[in-house]
C-alpha atoms as a PDB file:
ATOM      1  CA  MET A   1       0.060   0.014   0.006  1.00  0.00           C
ATOM      2  CA  ARG A   2       1.165   3.468  -0.906  1.00  0.00           C
ATOM      3  CA  ILE A   3       0.280   6.409   1.130  1.00  0.00           C
ATOM      4  CA  ILE A   4      -0.413   9.750  -0.511  1.00  0.00           C
ATOM      5  CA  THR A   5      -0.491  12.811   1.805  1.00  0.00           C
ATOM      6  CA  CYS A   6      -0.488  16.531   1.457  1.00  0.00           C
ATOM      7  CA  ALA A   7       1.306  18.999   3.739  1.00  0.00           C
ATOM      8  CA  SER A   8       0.583  22.688   3.639  1.00  0.00           C
ATOM      9  CA  TYR A   9       1.031  25.981   5.821  1.00  0.00           C
ATOM     10  CA  CYS A  10      -2.762  26.239   6.484  1.00  0.00           C
ATOM     11  CA  SER A  11      -5.484  27.006   3.928  1.00  0.00           C
ATOM     12  CA  THR A  12      -3.001  26.863   0.986  1.00  0.00           C
ATOM     13  CA  GLY A  13      -5.312  24.528  -0.939  1.00  0.00           C
ATOM     14  CA  SER A  14      -4.015  20.944  -0.181  1.00  0.00           C
ATOM     15  CA  SER A  15      -7.696  19.842  -0.311  1.00  0.00           C
ATOM     16  CA  ALA A  16      -7.430  20.352  -4.000  1.00  0.00           C
ATOM     17  CA  VAL A  17      -4.985  17.317  -4.172  1.00  0.00           C
ATOM     18  CA  THR A  18      -7.001  15.087  -2.016  1.00  0.00           C
ATOM     19  CA  ASP A  19      -9.964  16.132  -4.245  1.00  0.00           C
ATOM     20  CA  LEU A  20      -7.934  15.161  -7.360  1.00  0.00           C
ATOM     21  CA  PHE A  21      -6.843  11.649  -6.091  1.00  0.00           C
ATOM     22  CA  SER A  22     -10.313  10.880  -4.958  1.00  0.00           C
ATOM     23  CA  GLU A  23     -11.351  10.774  -8.471  1.00  0.00           C
ATOM     24  CA  PHE A  24      -9.107   7.607  -8.827  1.00  0.00           C
ATOM     25  CA  ASP A  25     -10.841   4.193  -8.494  1.00  0.00           C
ATOM     26  CA  ASN A  26      -7.708   2.612  -6.949  1.00  0.00           C
ATOM     27  CA  CYS A  27      -7.353   5.253  -4.023  1.00  0.00           C
ATOM     28  CA  SER A  28      -9.120   5.041  -0.743  1.00  0.00           C
ATOM     29  CA  PHE A  29      -9.796   8.741   0.313  1.00  0.00           C
ATOM     30  CA  VAL A  30      -9.864   9.351   3.976  1.00  0.00           C
ATOM     31  CA  GLY A  31     -11.968  12.220   4.035  1.00  0.00           C
ATOM     32  CA  ASP A  32     -10.965  16.094   4.714  1.00  0.00           C
ATOM     33  CA  TYR A  33      -9.897  15.437   8.327  1.00  0.00           C
ATOM     34  CA  GLU A  34      -6.205  16.260   9.131  1.00  0.00           C
ATOM     35  CA  PHE A  35      -4.561  13.224  10.754  1.00  0.00           C
ATOM     36  CA  ARG A  36      -1.769  14.760  12.531  1.00  0.00           C
ATOM     37  CA  PHE A  37      -0.702  12.254  15.355  1.00  0.00           C
ATOM     38  CA  ILE A  38       2.775  12.064  13.625  1.00  0.00           C
ATOM     39  CA  HIS A  39       3.799  15.789  13.914  1.00  0.00           C
ATOM     40  CA  ASP A  40       1.679  17.215  16.487  1.00  0.00           C
ATOM     41  CA  PRO A  41       3.131  18.007  19.865  1.00  0.00           C
ATOM     42  CA  ASP A  42       3.340  14.685  21.974  1.00  0.00           C
ATOM     43  CA  GLY A  43       3.178  12.965  18.654  1.00  0.00           C
ATOM     44  CA  VAL A  44       5.553  10.289  17.023  1.00  0.00           C
ATOM     45  CA  ARG A  45       8.143  12.952  16.272  1.00  0.00           C
ATOM     46  CA  ASP A  46       8.358  14.084  19.908  1.00  0.00           C
ATOM     47  CA  LEU A  47       8.770  10.390  20.840  1.00  0.00           C
ATOM     48  CA  GLU A  48      11.829  10.166  18.659  1.00  0.00           C
ATOM     49  CA  TYR A  49      13.309  13.232  20.151  1.00  0.00           C
ATOM     50  CA  ASN A  50      13.017  12.128  23.628  1.00  0.00           C
ATOM     51  CA  LEU A  51      13.686   8.286  23.035  1.00  0.00           C
ATOM     52  CA  ILE A  52      16.768   9.009  20.726  1.00  0.00           C
ATOM     53  CA  ASP A  53      18.149  12.572  20.740  1.00  0.00           C
ATOM     54  CA  ASN A  54      17.447  13.580  24.249  1.00  0.00           C
ATOM     55  CA  ASN A  55      17.315  10.224  26.045  1.00  0.00           C
ATOM     56  CA  ASN A  56      17.276   9.874  29.768  1.00  0.00           C
ATOM     57  CA  ARG A  57      15.072   8.239  32.350  1.00  0.00           C
ATOM     58  CA  HIS A  58      12.806  11.034  32.959  1.00  0.00           C
ATOM     59  CA  ASN A  59      12.359  12.733  29.453  1.00  0.00           C
ATOM     60  CA  THR A  60      11.921   9.317  27.883  1.00  0.00           C
ATOM     61  CA  SER A  61       9.175   8.163  30.305  1.00  0.00           C
ATOM     62  CA  ASN A  62       7.311  11.475  30.368  1.00  0.00           C
ATOM     63  CA  ALA A  63       7.219  11.510  26.584  1.00  0.00           C
ATOM     64  CA  ILE A  64       5.743   7.977  26.258  1.00  0.00           C
ATOM     65  CA  LYS A  65       3.133   9.011  28.896  1.00  0.00           C
ATOM     66  CA  ARG A  66       2.378  12.143  26.958  1.00  0.00           C
ATOM     67  CA  PHE A  67       2.110  10.168  23.815  1.00  0.00           C
ATOM     68  CA  LEU A  68      -0.311   7.871  25.387  1.00  0.00           C
ATOM     69  CA  ARG A  69      -2.493  10.579  26.868  1.00  0.00           C
ATOM     70  CA  TYR A  70      -2.591  12.204  23.490  1.00  0.00           C
ATOM     71  CA  THR A  71      -3.414   9.327  21.302  1.00  0.00           C
ATOM     72  CA  LYS A  72      -6.059   7.969  23.904  1.00  0.00           C
ATOM     73  CA  PHE A  73      -7.829  11.434  23.421  1.00  0.00           C
ATOM     74  CA  LEU A  74      -7.920  10.997  19.718  1.00  0.00           C
ATOM     75  CA  GLY A  75      -8.625   7.342  19.433  1.00  0.00           C
ATOM     76  CA  ALA A  76     -10.328   6.054  22.624  1.00  0.00           C
ATOM     77  CA  ASN A  77     -12.471   9.193  23.455  1.00  0.00           C
ATOM     78  CA  PRO A  78     -15.990   8.340  22.195  1.00  0.00           C
ATOM     79  CA  LEU A  79     -16.563  12.043  21.461  1.00  0.00           C
ATOM     80  CA  ARG A  80     -13.501  12.001  18.884  1.00  0.00           C
ATOM     81  CA  LYS A  81     -15.753  10.832  16.243  1.00  0.00           C
ATOM     82  CA  VAL A  82     -13.239  11.122  13.188  1.00  0.00           C
ATOM     83  CA  TYR A  83     -10.659   8.761  14.406  1.00  0.00           C
ATOM     84  CA  ARG A  84     -13.301   6.336  15.540  1.00  0.00           C
ATOM     85  CA  ARG A  85     -15.303   6.634  12.404  1.00  0.00           C
ATOM     86  CA  TYR A  86     -12.362   5.693  10.149  1.00  0.00           C
ATOM     87  CA  MET A  87     -10.663   3.235  12.393  1.00  0.00           C
ATOM     88  CA  GLY A  88     -13.021   2.175  15.154  1.00  0.00           C
ATOM     89  CA  ASP A  89     -10.832   1.037  18.159  1.00  0.00           C
ATOM     90  CA  ASP A  90      -7.955   0.123  16.171  1.00  0.00           C
ATOM     91  CA  PHE A  91      -5.821   3.329  16.491  1.00  0.00           C
ATOM     92  CA  TYR A  92      -5.535   3.042  20.204  1.00  0.00           C
ATOM     93  CA  LYS A  93      -5.192  -0.682  19.901  1.00  0.00           C
ATOM     94  CA  TYR A  94      -2.192  -0.308  17.670  1.00  0.00           C
ATOM     95  CA  THR A  95      -0.729   2.574  19.670  1.00  0.00           C
ATOM     96  CA  LEU A  96      -0.663   0.429  22.826  1.00  0.00           C
ATOM     97  CA  GLU A  97       1.108  -2.380  20.795  1.00  0.00           C
ATOM     98  CA  TYR A  98       3.679   0.241  19.332  1.00  0.00           C
ATOM     99  CA  VAL A  99       4.487   1.543  22.819  1.00  0.00           C
ATOM    100  CA  ASP A 100       4.919  -1.911  24.029  1.00  0.00           C
ATOM    101  CA  LYS A 101       7.463  -2.503  21.370  1.00  0.00           C
ATOM    102  CA  ILE A 102       9.536   0.832  21.765  1.00  0.00           C
ATOM    103  CA  THR A 103       9.510   0.393  25.753  1.00  0.00           C
ATOM    104  CA  GLU A 104      11.942  -1.982  27.417  1.00  0.00           C
ATOM    105  CA  LEU A 105      10.714  -1.541  31.036  1.00  0.00           C
ATOM    106  CA  GLN A 106       7.313  -0.588  32.354  1.00  0.00           C
ATOM    107  CA  THR A 107       7.132  -0.068  36.082  1.00  0.00           C
ATOM    108  CA  GLU A 108       5.711   1.980  38.902  1.00  0.00           C
ATOM    109  CA  ALA A 109       7.566   5.092  39.599  1.00  0.00           C
ATOM    110  CA  TRP A 110       7.079   8.899  39.688  1.00  0.00           C
ATOM    111  CA  TRP A 111       8.793  12.231  39.560  1.00  0.00           C
ATOM    112  CA  HIS A 112       7.814  15.861  40.014  1.00  0.00           C
ATOM    113  CA  TYR A 113       6.392  16.130  36.385  1.00  0.00           C
ATOM    114  CA  ASP A 114       3.843  13.760  37.187  1.00  0.00           C
ATOM    115  CA  ARG A 115       2.501  15.766  40.102  1.00  0.00           C
ATOM    116  CA  MET A 116       2.659  19.037  37.955  1.00  0.00           C
ATOM    117  CA  GLU A 117       0.698  17.453  35.133  1.00  0.00           C
ATOM    118  CA  LYS A 118      -2.146  16.382  37.356  1.00  0.00           C
ATOM    119  CA  GLY A 119      -2.873  20.045  38.028  1.00  0.00           C
ATOM    120  CA  SER A 120      -2.312  22.893  40.407  1.00  0.00           C
ATOM    121  CA  VAL A 121      -5.068  21.686  42.969  1.00  0.00           C
ATOM    122  CA  PHE A 122      -3.377  18.100  43.081  1.00  0.00           C
ATOM    123  CA  ASP A 123       0.237  19.672  43.182  1.00  0.00           C
ATOM    124  CA  TYR A 124      -0.849  21.804  46.304  1.00  0.00           C
ATOM    125  CA  ILE A 125      -2.546  18.945  48.148  1.00  0.00           C
ATOM    126  CA  ASP A 126       0.164  16.317  47.391  1.00  0.00           C
ATOM    127  CA  SER A 127       2.847  18.808  48.219  1.00  0.00           C
ATOM    128  CA  ALA A 128       1.087  19.580  51.554  1.00  0.00           C
ATOM    129  CA  ILE A 129       0.733  15.971  52.415  1.00  0.00           C
ATOM    130  CA  THR A 130       4.379  15.180  51.779  1.00  0.00           C
ATOM    131  CA  LYS A 131       5.745  18.018  53.719  1.00  0.00           C
ATOM    132  CA  MET A 132       3.443  16.844  56.619  1.00  0.00           C
ATOM    133  CA  GLY A 133       4.763  13.313  56.320  1.00  0.00           C
ATOM    134  CA  HIS A 134       8.289  14.485  56.216  1.00  0.00           C
ATOM    135  CA  TYR A 135       7.560  16.779  59.628  1.00  0.00           C
ATOM    136  CA  ILE A 136       5.733  13.919  61.259  1.00  0.00           C
ATOM    137  CA  CYS A 137       7.295  10.692  60.087  1.00  0.00           C
ATOM    138  CA  LYS A 138      10.791  12.130  59.132  1.00  0.00           C
ATOM    139  CA  THR A 139      10.389  10.992  55.588  1.00  0.00           C
ATOM    140  CA  ASN A 140       9.772  12.635  52.102  1.00  0.00           C
ATOM    141  CA  PHE A 141       8.275   9.589  50.550  1.00  0.00           C
ATOM    142  CA  ILE A 142       4.771  10.107  51.613  1.00  0.00           C
ATOM    143  CA  THR A 143       2.766  11.292  48.398  1.00  0.00           C
ATOM    144  CA  LEU A 144      -0.427  10.815  46.839  1.00  0.00           C
ATOM    145  CA  LEU A 145       1.220   9.493  43.597  1.00  0.00           C
ATOM    146  CA  LYS A 146       2.331   6.164  45.434  1.00  0.00           C
ATOM    147  CA  PRO A 147      -1.153   4.958  45.933  1.00  0.00           C
ATOM    148  CA  LEU A 148      -2.217   5.874  42.375  1.00  0.00           C
ATOM    149  CA  HIS A 149       0.488   3.425  41.133  1.00  0.00           C
ATOM    150  CA  GLU A 150       1.888   5.909  38.729  1.00  0.00           C
ATOM    151  CA  LYS A 151       3.739   4.240  35.730  1.00  0.00           C
ATOM    152  CA  ALA A 152       7.006   4.863  34.244  1.00  0.00           C
ATOM    153  CA  TYR A 153       8.427   3.703  30.798  1.00  0.00           C
ATOM    154  CA  TYR A 154      12.175   3.174  30.293  1.00  0.00           C
ATOM    155  CA  SER A 155      13.901   2.623  26.968  1.00  0.00           C
ATOM    156  CA  ALA A 156      17.104   3.221  25.332  1.00  0.00           C
ATOM    157  CA  ILE A 157      16.493   1.712  21.820  1.00  0.00           C
ATOM    158  CA  ASP A 158      18.529   2.715  19.012  1.00  0.00           C
ATOM    159  CA  ARG A 159      17.159   4.854  16.119  1.00  0.00           C
ATOM    160  CA  GLU A 160      16.921   2.202  13.479  1.00  0.00           C
ATOM    161  CA  THR A 161      14.775   0.031  15.773  1.00  0.00           C
ATOM    162  CA  PHE A 162      12.580   2.833  16.677  1.00  0.00           C
ATOM    163  CA  TYR A 163      12.065   3.569  12.798  1.00  0.00           C
ATOM    164  CA  LYS A 164      11.418  -0.321  12.369  1.00  0.00           C
ATOM    165  CA  TYR A 165       8.413  -0.322  14.878  1.00  0.00           C
ATOM    166  CA  THR A 166       7.267   3.228  13.852  1.00  0.00           C
ATOM    167  CA  LYS A 167       6.991   1.929  10.140  1.00  0.00           C
ATOM    168  CA  GLU A 168       4.808  -1.059  11.485  1.00  0.00           C
ATOM    169  CA  TYR A 169       2.769   1.348  13.459  1.00  0.00           C
ATOM    170  CA  THR A 170       1.890   3.695  10.839  1.00  0.00           C
ATOM    171  CA  GLU A 171       1.318   0.977   8.200  1.00  0.00           C
ATOM    172  CA  ASN A 172      -1.239  -0.727  10.565  1.00  0.00           C
ATOM    173  CA  VAL A 173      -3.013   2.518  11.438  1.00  0.00           C
ATOM    174  CA  ILE A 174      -3.312   3.774   7.782  1.00  0.00           C
ATOM    175  CA  SER A 175      -4.164   0.271   6.543  1.00  0.00           C
ATOM    176  CA  SER A 176      -7.035   0.148   9.158  1.00  0.00           C
ATOM    177  CA  MET A 177      -8.557   3.144   7.283  1.00  0.00           C
ATOM    178  CA  ASN A 178      -8.247   1.486   3.814  1.00  0.00           C
ATOM    179  CA  LYS A 179     -11.455  -0.367   4.044  1.00  0.00           C
ATOM    180  CA  GLU A 180     -11.566  -1.048   0.262  1.00  0.00           C
ATOM    181  CA  HIS A 181      -7.954  -2.469   0.476  1.00  0.00           C
ATOM    182  CA  THR A 182      -6.900  -0.341  -2.674  1.00  0.00           C
ATOM    183  CA  ASP A 183      -3.320   0.100  -3.713  1.00  0.00           C
ATOM    184  CA  PHE A 184      -3.242   3.826  -2.549  1.00  0.00           C
ATOM    185  CA  THR A 185      -4.516   5.657   0.534  1.00  0.00           C
ATOM    186  CA  VAL A 186      -4.996   9.246   0.695  1.00  0.00           C
ATOM    187  CA  VAL A 187      -4.481  10.817   3.862  1.00  0.00           C
ATOM    188  CA  ASP A 188      -4.584  14.638   4.617  1.00  0.00           C
ATOM    189  CA  GLN A 189      -1.645  16.331   6.461  1.00  0.00           C
ATOM    190  CA  LEU A 190      -0.108  13.290   7.825  1.00  0.00           C
ATOM    191  CA  VAL A 191       3.270  15.101   7.834  1.00  0.00           C
ATOM    192  CA  PRO A 192       4.299  18.741   7.983  1.00  0.00           C
ATOM    193  CA  PRO A 193       5.941  20.666   4.988  1.00  0.00           C
ATOM    194  CA  SER A 194       9.226  20.974   6.916  1.00  0.00           C
ATOM    195  CA  ASN A 195      11.835  18.705   8.278  1.00  0.00           C
ATOM    196  CA  LEU A 196      10.407  15.978   5.781  1.00  0.00           C
ATOM    197  CA  ASP A 197      13.879  13.953   5.743  1.00  0.00           C
ATOM    198  CA  ARG A 198      13.094  13.112   9.347  1.00  0.00           C
ATOM    199  CA  TYR A 199       9.301  12.193   8.748  1.00  0.00           C
ATOM    200  CA  LEU A 200       9.976  10.140   5.705  1.00  0.00           C
ATOM    201  CA  ASN A 201      11.653   7.554   7.883  1.00  0.00           C
ATOM    202  CA  TYR A 202       8.172   6.824   9.620  1.00  0.00           C
ATOM    203  CA  PHE A 203       6.652   5.065   6.639  1.00  0.00           C
ATOM    204  CA  TYR A 204       7.330   2.249   4.179  1.00  0.00           C
ATOM    205  CA  ASP A 205       5.936   3.862   1.255  1.00  0.00           C
ATOM    206  CA  ILE A 206       4.830   7.478   1.087  1.00  0.00           C
ATOM    207  CA  LYS A 207       4.386  10.313  -1.323  1.00  0.00           C
ATOM    208  CA  VAL A 208       4.068  13.896   0.013  1.00  0.00           C
ATOM    209  CA  VAL A 209       2.708  16.829  -1.887  1.00  0.00           C
ATOM    210  CA  VAL A 210       3.872  20.103  -0.280  1.00  0.00           C
ATOM    211  CA  VAL A 211       1.249  22.751  -1.248  1.00  0.00           C
ATOM    212  CA  ASP A 212       1.691  26.564  -1.197  1.00  0.00           C
ATOM    213  CA  ARG A 213      -0.360  29.516  -2.334  1.00  0.00           C
ATOM    214  CA  ASP A 214       0.147  33.056  -3.302  1.00  0.00           C
ATOM    215  CA  PRO A 215       0.486  35.210  -0.098  1.00  0.00           C
ATOM    216  CA  ARG A 216      -1.882  37.886  -1.523  1.00  0.00           C
ATOM    217  CA  ASP A 217      -4.761  35.472  -1.885  1.00  0.00           C
ATOM    218  CA  LEU A 218      -4.043  34.031   1.442  1.00  0.00           C
ATOM    219  CA  PHE A 219      -4.043  37.148   3.099  1.00  0.00           C
ATOM    220  CA  LEU A 220      -7.297  38.362   1.353  1.00  0.00           C
ATOM    221  CA  VAL A 221      -9.201  35.281   2.013  1.00  0.00           C
ATOM    222  CA  GLU A 222      -8.366  35.190   5.766  1.00  0.00           C
ATOM    223  CA  HIS A 223      -8.596  38.977   6.133  1.00  0.00           C
ATOM    224  CA  MET A 224     -11.724  39.671   4.238  1.00  0.00           C
ATOM    225  CA  GLU A 225     -13.718  36.202   4.494  1.00  0.00           C
ATOM    226  CA  TRP A 226     -12.743  33.638   6.830  1.00  0.00           C
ATOM    227  CA  HIS A 227     -11.591  35.365   9.854  1.00  0.00           C
ATOM    228  CA  SER A 228     -10.479  32.056  11.409  1.00  0.00           C
ATOM    229  CA  GLY A 229      -7.696  33.570  13.572  1.00  0.00           C
ATOM    230  CA  ILE A 230      -5.369  30.820  12.769  1.00  0.00           C
ATOM    231  CA  ILE A 231      -3.419  33.046  10.237  1.00  0.00           C
ATOM    232  CA  PRO A 232      -2.475  36.419  11.662  1.00  0.00           C
ATOM    233  CA  SER A 233      -4.119  38.720   9.215  1.00  0.00           C
ATOM    234  CA  LYS A 234      -5.382  41.736  11.165  1.00  0.00           C
ATOM    235  CA  SER A 235      -2.102  43.382  10.386  1.00  0.00           C
ATOM    236  CA  VAL A 236      -0.541  42.914   6.845  1.00  0.00           C
ATOM    237  CA  GLU A 237       2.806  43.419   8.463  1.00  0.00           C
ATOM    238  CA  GLU A 238       2.184  40.627  10.892  1.00  0.00           C
ATOM    239  CA  PHE A 239       1.008  38.596   8.134  1.00  0.00           C
ATOM    240  CA  CYS A 240       4.189  38.983   6.079  1.00  0.00           C
ATOM    241  CA  LYS A 241       6.462  38.240   8.935  1.00  0.00           C
ATOM    242  CA  TRP A 242       4.475  35.113   9.664  1.00  0.00           C
ATOM    243  CA  TYR A 243       4.369  33.971   5.972  1.00  0.00           C
ATOM    244  CA  GLU A 244       8.144  34.440   5.697  1.00  0.00           C
ATOM    245  CA  ILE A 245       8.851  32.632   9.017  1.00  0.00           C
ATOM    246  CA  THR A 246       6.764  29.653   8.102  1.00  0.00           C
ATOM    247  CA  ARG A 247       8.405  29.203   4.756  1.00  0.00           C
ATOM    248  CA  ARG A 248      12.071  30.080   5.746  1.00  0.00           C
ATOM    249  CA  HIS A 249      12.919  26.246   6.008  1.00  0.00           C
ATOM    250  CA  ARG A 250      12.765  25.901   2.119  1.00  0.00           C
ATOM    251  CA  LYS A 251      15.861  28.177   1.724  1.00  0.00           C
ATOM    252  CA  THR A 252      17.869  25.487   3.310  1.00  0.00           C
ATOM    253  CA  GLU A 253      15.903  22.367   3.191  1.00  0.00           C
ATOM    254  CA  ILE A 254      16.478  19.937   0.305  1.00  0.00           C
ATOM    255  CA  TYR A 255      13.470  17.699  -0.441  1.00  0.00           C
ATOM    256  CA  ASN A 256      14.015  14.172  -1.642  1.00  0.00           C
ATOM    257  CA  SER A 257      12.485  14.615  -5.205  1.00  0.00           C
ATOM    258  CA  ASP A 258      11.494  10.735  -5.263  1.00  0.00           C
ATOM    259  CA  LYS A 259       9.116  11.195  -2.279  1.00  0.00           C
ATOM    260  CA  VAL A 260       8.345  14.896  -2.040  1.00  0.00           C
ATOM    261  CA  TYR A 261       6.812  17.039  -4.694  1.00  0.00           C
ATOM    262  CA  PHE A 262       6.475  20.900  -4.222  1.00  0.00           C
ATOM    263  CA  LEU A 263       3.064  22.150  -5.849  1.00  0.00           C
ATOM    264  CA  GLN A 264       1.980  25.781  -6.325  1.00  0.00           C
ATOM    265  CA  PHE A 265      -1.785  25.532  -5.610  1.00  0.00           C
ATOM    266  CA  GLU A 266      -2.577  27.911  -8.772  1.00  0.00           C
ATOM    267  CA  ASP A 267      -0.869  25.358 -11.125  1.00  0.00           C
ATOM    268  CA  LEU A 268      -3.482  23.016 -10.388  1.00  0.00           C
ATOM    269  CA  ILE A 269      -5.984  25.534 -11.613  1.00  0.00           C
ATOM    270  CA  TYR A 270      -4.336  27.462 -14.428  1.00  0.00           C
ATOM    271  CA  LYS A 271      -2.038  24.573 -15.591  1.00  0.00           C
ATOM    272  CA  TYR A 272      -4.655  21.760 -15.022  1.00  0.00           C
ATOM    273  CA  GLU A 273      -3.680  19.127 -17.554  1.00  0.00           C
ATOM    274  CA  GLU A 274       0.097  19.456 -17.300  1.00  0.00           C
ATOM    275  CA  THR A 275       0.082  19.544 -13.486  1.00  0.00           C
ATOM    276  CA  VAL A 276      -2.245  16.564 -13.125  1.00  0.00           C
ATOM    277  CA  GLU A 277      -0.059  14.736 -15.307  1.00  0.00           C
ATOM    278  CA  LYS A 278       3.228  15.366 -13.212  1.00  0.00           C
ATOM    279  CA  LEU A 279       1.220  14.545 -10.092  1.00  0.00           C
ATOM    280  CA  ILE A 280       0.262  11.209 -11.427  1.00  0.00           C
ATOM    281  CA  GLN A 281       3.858  10.356 -12.652  1.00  0.00           C
ATOM    282  CA  PHE A 282       5.044  11.521  -9.202  1.00  0.00           C
ATOM    283  CA  VAL A 283       2.624   9.390  -7.309  1.00  0.00           C
ATOM    284  CA  GLY A 284       3.160   6.307  -9.627  1.00  0.00           C
ATOM    285  CA  ILE A 285      -0.445   5.900 -10.240  1.00  0.00           C
ATOM    286  CA  PRO A 286      -1.776   4.451 -13.669  1.00  0.00           C
ATOM    287  CA  PRO A 287      -3.513   7.219 -15.646  1.00  0.00           C
ATOM    288  CA  LYS A 288      -6.247   4.623 -16.477  1.00  0.00           C
ATOM    289  CA  ASN A 289      -7.335   4.732 -12.853  1.00  0.00           C
ATOM    290  CA  HIS A 290      -8.583   8.455 -13.238  1.00  0.00           C
ATOM    291  CA  VAL A 291     -12.094   7.345 -13.924  1.00  0.00           C
ATOM    292  CA  ALA A 292     -13.857  10.374 -12.648  1.00  0.00           C
ATOM    293  CA  PRO A 293     -12.002  13.499 -13.711  1.00  0.00           C
ATOM    294  CA  GLY A 294     -13.636  16.671 -13.031  1.00  0.00           C
ATOM    295  CA  THR A 295     -16.017  15.532 -10.370  1.00  0.00           C
ATOM    296  CA  HIS A 296     -14.222  16.717  -7.217  1.00  0.00           C
ATOM    297  CA  LEU A 297     -11.589  18.913  -8.483  1.00  0.00           C
ATOM    298  CA  ILE A 298     -13.117  21.507 -10.817  1.00  0.00           C
ATOM    299  CA  PRO A 299     -10.703  24.261 -11.997  1.00  0.00           C
ATOM    300  CA  ASP A 300     -13.651  26.386 -13.293  1.00  0.00           C
ATOM    301  CA  VAL A 301     -15.003  26.562  -9.746  1.00  0.00           C
ATOM    302  CA  SER A 302     -11.670  26.784  -7.855  1.00  0.00           C
ATOM    303  CA  VAL A 303     -10.387  29.853 -10.088  1.00  0.00           C
ATOM    304  CA  LYS A 304     -12.903  31.857  -8.252  1.00  0.00           C
ATOM    305  CA  ASN A 305     -10.703  31.694  -5.096  1.00  0.00           C
ATOM    306  CA  THR A 306      -7.528  33.132  -6.875  1.00  0.00           C
ATOM    307  CA  ASN A 307      -6.261  36.284  -7.835  1.00  0.00           C
ATOM    308  CA  LEU A 308      -8.428  38.083  -5.444  1.00  0.00           C
ATOM    309  CA  LYS A 309      -7.015  41.373  -5.637  1.00  0.00           C
ATOM    310  CA  LYS A 310      -9.384  41.991  -8.410  1.00  0.00           C
ATOM    311  CA  LYS A 311     -12.277  41.153  -6.098  1.00  0.00           C
ATOM    312  CA  TYR A 312     -10.843  43.340  -3.329  1.00  0.00           C
ATOM    313  CA  PRO A 313      -9.468  46.510  -4.909  1.00  0.00           C
ATOM    314  CA  LYS A 314     -10.038  48.475  -1.738  1.00  0.00           C
ATOM    315  CA  CYS A 315      -7.098  46.294  -0.201  1.00  0.00           C
ATOM    316  CA  ARG A 316      -4.749  47.882  -2.814  1.00  0.00           C
ATOM    317  CA  GLU A 317      -2.369  49.173  -0.111  1.00  0.00           C
ATOM    318  CA  GLU A 318      -1.995  45.728   1.689  1.00  0.00           C
ATOM    319  CA  ILE A 319      -1.523  44.049  -1.642  1.00  0.00           C
ATOM    320  CA  GLN A 320       1.236  46.435  -2.597  1.00  0.00           C
ATOM    321  CA  TYR A 321       2.794  45.858   0.781  1.00  0.00           C
ATOM    322  CA  ILE A 322       2.805  42.042   0.285  1.00  0.00           C
ATOM    323  CA  GLU A 323       4.200  42.390  -3.332  1.00  0.00           C
ATOM    324  CA  GLU A 324       7.252  44.289  -1.888  1.00  0.00           C
ATOM    325  CA  ARG A 325       7.892  42.068   1.067  1.00  0.00           C
ATOM    326  CA  LEU A 326       7.178  38.642  -0.257  1.00  0.00           C
ATOM    327  CA  SER A 327       7.975  39.084  -4.025  1.00  0.00           C
ATOM    328  CA  GLU A 328       9.663  35.664  -4.134  1.00  0.00           C
ATOM    329  CA  TYR A 329       6.507  33.859  -3.284  1.00  0.00           C
ATOM    330  CA  LEU A 330       4.197  35.627  -5.637  1.00  0.00           C
ATOM    331  CA  TYR A 331       2.418  33.621  -8.416  1.00  0.00           C
ATOM    332  CA  GLU A 332       2.434  35.085 -12.027  1.00  0.00           C
ATOM    333  CA  PHE A 333      -1.382  34.917 -12.965  1.00  0.00           C
ATOM    334  CA  PRO A 334      -2.446  34.872 -16.336  1.00  0.00           C
ATOM    335  CA  GLN A 335      -3.390  38.202 -17.888  1.00  0.00           C
END
């Protein structure tokens, strides 16, 4: 099974790519939801850092516990309908199996982070009991954490072993979503657009399409229409700083061209035939399987969300500012 995923910088049009591949009969399309358990805080990437790069008894144990808490929230919480809709109980089941493989010792132990992460009220009560125990019993080992049987996880596995078990984990998780058992599974935002050389190690077979969009359109659609608050757009100065900061990695990062394809969103609209052909070749999917072209990705519809400076002439000053500050990221729209 080959995984196809998009990576974007927020609202840059990656859904157009997932729409495109949903038109192929040998692709299993996993909705518009972003499955971010690899790169979110406390996800798999944080696990690698704390098990390999910053390994020590406390960091490693805490990272595994945070990973379990985060994935339990995603996959074992009955209110998190998306994960359970696509995978049922499989996601957390595979997570527990994965943690067992990367952990060499599980036992009862605690440290001050366990107290802190249970909240300030628990910390206050537990600290008071511990101090009282020290005063009365002349010991500092009386704590509420002991009767709670707090768990600790210890491991010092090497990087290759971590990658081995991580690949098994991601393959199991993604395969559980591919109900039709097709050759390709399309999952949105499985990895980020940066540091991809590290994330590629987590999969047996993956193709990543990094999608970006003209900054003028991104500013205008957020500033004038969406008002989501995710992208800073109240000030055009802040927007330009944000846009440049989040793309700066591309000045030094070299993408693996066999596994990563950089796509300018507008090319999928204004150069549709040419761009689709390149994407098909990159992914390695037979063109004959494109059985429903134009049913999900419709350039004549998507074009209305591009070159928005024509739609909002009153934002002329903001557009001029973006063109001066972010000239290297501008798309040359057809006249």
